[in-house]
Protein backbone atom coordinates (compact mmCIF):
# COMPACT_ATOMS: atom_id res chain seq x y z
CA UNK A 1 9.62 1.94 2.13
CA UNK A 2 11.70 4.92 1.40
CA UNK A 3 14.98 5.67 -0.38
CA UNK A 4 16.64 7.53 2.59
CA UNK A 5 19.63 5.87 4.35
CA UNK A 6 19.95 5.87 8.22
CA UNK A 7 22.72 8.50 7.70
CA UNK A 8 20.53 10.66 5.88
CA UNK A 9 17.79 10.45 8.45
CA UNK A 10 20.18 11.27 11.09
CA UNK A 11 21.31 14.26 9.28
CA UNK A 12 17.55 15.41 8.94
CA UNK A 13 16.94 14.58 12.32
CA UNK A 14 19.71 17.10 13.24
CA UNK A 15 18.18 19.76 10.99
CA UNK A 16 15.09 19.19 12.69
CA UNK A 17 16.22 19.85 16.17
CA UNK A 18 17.79 23.17 15.05
CA UNK A 19 14.09 24.03 14.02
CA UNK A 20 14.75 23.93 10.33
CA UNK A 21 11.42 24.64 8.43
CA UNK A 22 12.90 23.05 5.08
CA UNK A 23 13.82 19.85 7.07
CA UNK A 24 10.31 19.76 8.54
CA UNK A 25 8.86 19.92 4.80
CA UNK A 26 11.27 17.18 3.71
CA UNK A 27 10.29 14.96 6.91
CA UNK A 28 6.53 15.32 5.77
CA UNK A 29 7.53 14.57 2.13
CA UNK A 30 9.34 11.61 3.40
CA UNK A 31 6.75 10.13 5.95
CA UNK A 32 3.40 11.28 4.99
CA UNK A 33 2.27 8.20 2.78
CA UNK A 34 3.59 5.94 5.50
CA UNK A 35 1.90 7.38 8.29
CA UNK A 36 -1.28 7.79 6.53
CA UNK A 37 -1.24 3.96 5.49
CA UNK A 38 -0.54 3.42 9.21
CA UNK A 39 -3.54 5.16 10.26
CA UNK A 40 -5.79 3.31 7.72
CA UNK A 41 -4.38 0.06 8.98
CA UNK A 42 -5.31 0.76 12.32
CA UNK A 43 -8.87 0.89 10.98
CA UNK A 44 -9.40 4.73 10.68
CA UNK A 45 -11.42 5.86 7.57
CA UNK A 46 -9.88 7.80 5.00
CA UNK A 47 -10.88 11.42 6.39
CA UNK A 48 -10.06 10.48 10.01
CA UNK A 49 -6.67 8.97 8.71
CA UNK A 50 -5.94 12.01 6.79
CA UNK A 51 -6.73 14.40 9.80
CA UNK A 52 -4.64 11.94 12.30
CA UNK A 53 -1.68 12.11 9.77
CA UNK A 54 -1.77 15.98 9.89
CA UNK A 55 -2.19 15.93 13.49
CA UNK A 56 0.62 13.48 13.85
CA UNK A 57 3.07 15.69 11.90
CA UNK A 58 1.87 18.88 13.86
CA UNK A 59 2.96 17.12 17.26
CA UNK A 60 6.40 16.11 15.68
CA UNK A 61 6.99 19.61 15.04
CA UNK A 62 6.01 20.58 18.59
CA UNK A 63 7.99 17.89 20.30
CA UNK A 64 11.23 17.76 18.16
CA UNK A 65 13.12 18.91 21.08
CA UNK A 66 12.53 15.53 22.46
CA UNK A 67 14.17 13.61 19.69
CA UNK A 68 17.19 12.36 21.41
CA UNK A 69 20.52 11.63 19.18
CA UNK A 70 20.95 7.83 18.96
CA UNK A 71 17.09 7.48 18.76
CA UNK A 72 15.88 6.35 15.19
CA UNK A 73 13.35 8.89 13.43
CA UNK A 74 11.31 5.92 12.10
CA UNK A 75 10.61 4.73 15.70
CA UNK A 76 10.04 8.21 17.19
CA UNK A 77 7.61 9.19 14.33
CA UNK A 78 5.53 5.90 14.62
CA UNK A 79 5.18 6.30 18.29
CA UNK A 80 3.82 9.67 17.96
CA UNK A 81 1.54 8.49 15.07
CA UNK A 82 0.42 5.71 17.42
CA UNK A 83 -0.06 7.96 20.35
CA UNK A 84 -2.07 10.26 18.23
CA UNK A 85 -4.62 7.39 17.22
CA UNK A 86 -4.84 6.19 20.61
CA UNK A 87 -5.85 9.77 22.06
CA UNK A 88 -8.43 10.08 19.19
CA UNK A 89 -9.72 6.70 20.07
CA UNK A 90 -10.11 7.65 23.94
CA UNK A 91 -11.87 10.76 22.94
CA UNK A 92 -14.38 9.15 20.47
CA UNK A 93 -14.96 5.89 22.79
CA UNK A 94 -16.01 4.15 19.34
CA UNK A 95 -14.92 0.60 19.16
CA UNK A 96 -16.24 0.28 15.74
CA UNK A 97 -13.88 2.44 13.73
CA UNK A 98 -12.07 -0.47 12.00
CA UNK A 99 -12.20 -0.35 8.15
CA UNK A 100 -9.08 -2.31 7.60
CA UNK A 101 -6.85 -1.17 4.74
CA UNK A 102 -6.38 -3.52 1.70
CA UNK A 103 -2.97 -5.35 2.08
CA UNK A 104 -0.17 -4.12 -0.33
CA UNK A 105 0.97 -6.60 -2.66
CA UNK A 106 3.11 -5.75 -5.59
CA UNK A 107 1.57 -6.41 -8.92
CA UNK A 108 4.59 -8.38 -10.08
CA UNK A 109 4.33 -10.53 -7.26
CA UNK A 110 0.58 -11.60 -7.80
CA UNK A 111 0.02 -15.17 -9.47
CA UNK A 112 -1.91 -15.65 -12.80
CA UNK A 113 -5.59 -16.73 -13.78
CA UNK A 114 -7.26 -19.04 -11.16
CA UNK A 115 -4.31 -18.70 -8.76
CA UNK A 116 -5.11 -15.07 -8.47
CA UNK A 117 -8.66 -15.76 -7.38
CA UNK A 118 -7.41 -18.06 -4.74
CA UNK A 119 -4.75 -15.62 -3.70
CA UNK A 120 -7.36 -12.68 -3.33
CA UNK A 121 -9.54 -14.95 -1.39
CA UNK A 122 -6.71 -15.79 1.01
CA UNK A 123 -5.88 -12.08 1.28
CA UNK A 124 -9.33 -11.41 2.23
CA UNK A 125 -9.48 -14.09 4.96
CA UNK A 126 -6.24 -12.74 6.41
CA UNK A 127 -7.43 -9.18 6.32
CA UNK A 128 -10.59 -10.20 8.14
CA UNK A 129 -8.64 -12.13 10.83
CA UNK A 130 -6.21 -9.22 11.39
CA UNK A 131 -9.19 -6.89 11.57
CA UNK A 132 -10.69 -8.61 14.64
CA UNK A 133 -7.34 -9.06 16.42
CA UNK A 134 -7.01 -7.08 19.76
CA UNK A 135 -5.60 -3.43 19.45
CA UNK A 136 -2.14 -4.47 20.83
CA UNK A 137 -1.75 -7.43 18.57
CA UNK A 138 -3.10 -5.77 15.52
CA UNK A 139 -0.47 -2.94 16.17
CA UNK A 140 2.47 -5.17 16.49
CA UNK A 141 1.40 -6.93 13.01
CA UNK A 142 0.79 -3.71 11.26
CA UNK A 143 4.24 -1.99 12.27
CA UNK A 144 6.38 -4.79 11.70
CA UNK A 145 5.01 -6.48 8.42
CA UNK A 146 2.92 -3.93 6.98
CA UNK A 147 4.88 -0.69 7.79
CA UNK A 148 8.18 -2.66 7.49
CA UNK A 149 9.57 -1.39 10.53
CA UNK A 150 12.45 -3.08 12.58
CA UNK A 151 11.85 -4.91 15.71
CA UNK A 152 13.57 -1.93 17.20
CA UNK A 153 11.72 0.80 15.60
CA UNK A 154 8.57 -0.90 16.06
CA UNK A 155 9.22 -1.35 19.85
CA UNK A 156 10.10 2.21 19.94
CA UNK A 157 6.89 3.26 18.37
CA UNK A 158 4.61 1.38 20.65
CA UNK A 159 6.71 2.30 23.76
CA UNK A 160 7.78 -0.93 24.84
CA UNK A 161 10.98 -3.08 25.12
CA UNK A 162 12.20 -5.35 22.37
CA UNK A 163 11.61 -8.32 24.06
CA UNK A 164 8.16 -7.24 24.97
CA UNK A 165 7.41 -6.46 21.28
CA UNK A 166 8.80 -9.69 20.20
CA UNK A 167 6.54 -11.64 22.75
CA UNK A 168 3.68 -9.52 21.59
CA UNK A 169 4.35 -10.30 17.76
CA UNK A 170 4.66 -13.85 18.49
CA UNK A 171 1.39 -14.06 20.47
CA UNK A 172 -0.27 -12.05 17.69
CA UNK A 173 1.18 -14.68 15.00
CA UNK A 174 0.08 -17.55 16.98
CA UNK A 175 -3.53 -15.94 17.39
CA UNK A 176 -3.54 -15.25 13.51
CA UNK A 177 -2.48 -18.89 12.97
CA UNK A 178 -5.31 -20.35 15.16
CA UNK A 179 -7.73 -18.25 13.73
CA UNK A 180 -6.80 -18.89 10.04
CA UNK A 181 -6.73 -22.57 10.37
CA UNK A 182 -9.62 -24.78 10.92
CA UNK A 183 -9.60 -27.70 13.45
CA UNK A 184 -8.46 -30.09 10.95
CA UNK A 185 -5.61 -27.86 10.07
CA UNK A 186 -6.86 -26.60 6.52
CA UNK A 187 -7.60 -22.99 5.72
CA UNK A 188 -10.85 -21.69 6.64
């Protein structure tokens, strides 16, 4: 995800709270790609994702005083990004915004030959299933599994309790399983 430790992130958060512009630039360097990918995975096209990412960082800077000590920087930033996406969707009222980003699989983890074709087909099917999940289910899958946030950080990003997040994640995974498996228990 990124190479910063929790201690470094907390030190950065302290500098941000004091209004340090260098810290703001460092924050953008640290999180820009992650927030952009988050927006893409939520279904926004590349231009909208770029705009929403920039809007998210503007809101981070405007609301930096609300970042309390003890709050994780990850969860706080993703919450702002999530809210930015929600506000955009409300303004546009367009339910056909989804252009699901390709799942990231490291090259060294990909199978060879015929297995690669089967693997790519399975990834495409999974991507299609995640794409049509209800937004709340899609969001928990993306935050936890694709953005690699901990349960605590992801719950904070969505603005719900950890138990509620775990419950939503469990329902989303069950929904995924049901949609991926056909009636006889084989992959669709």
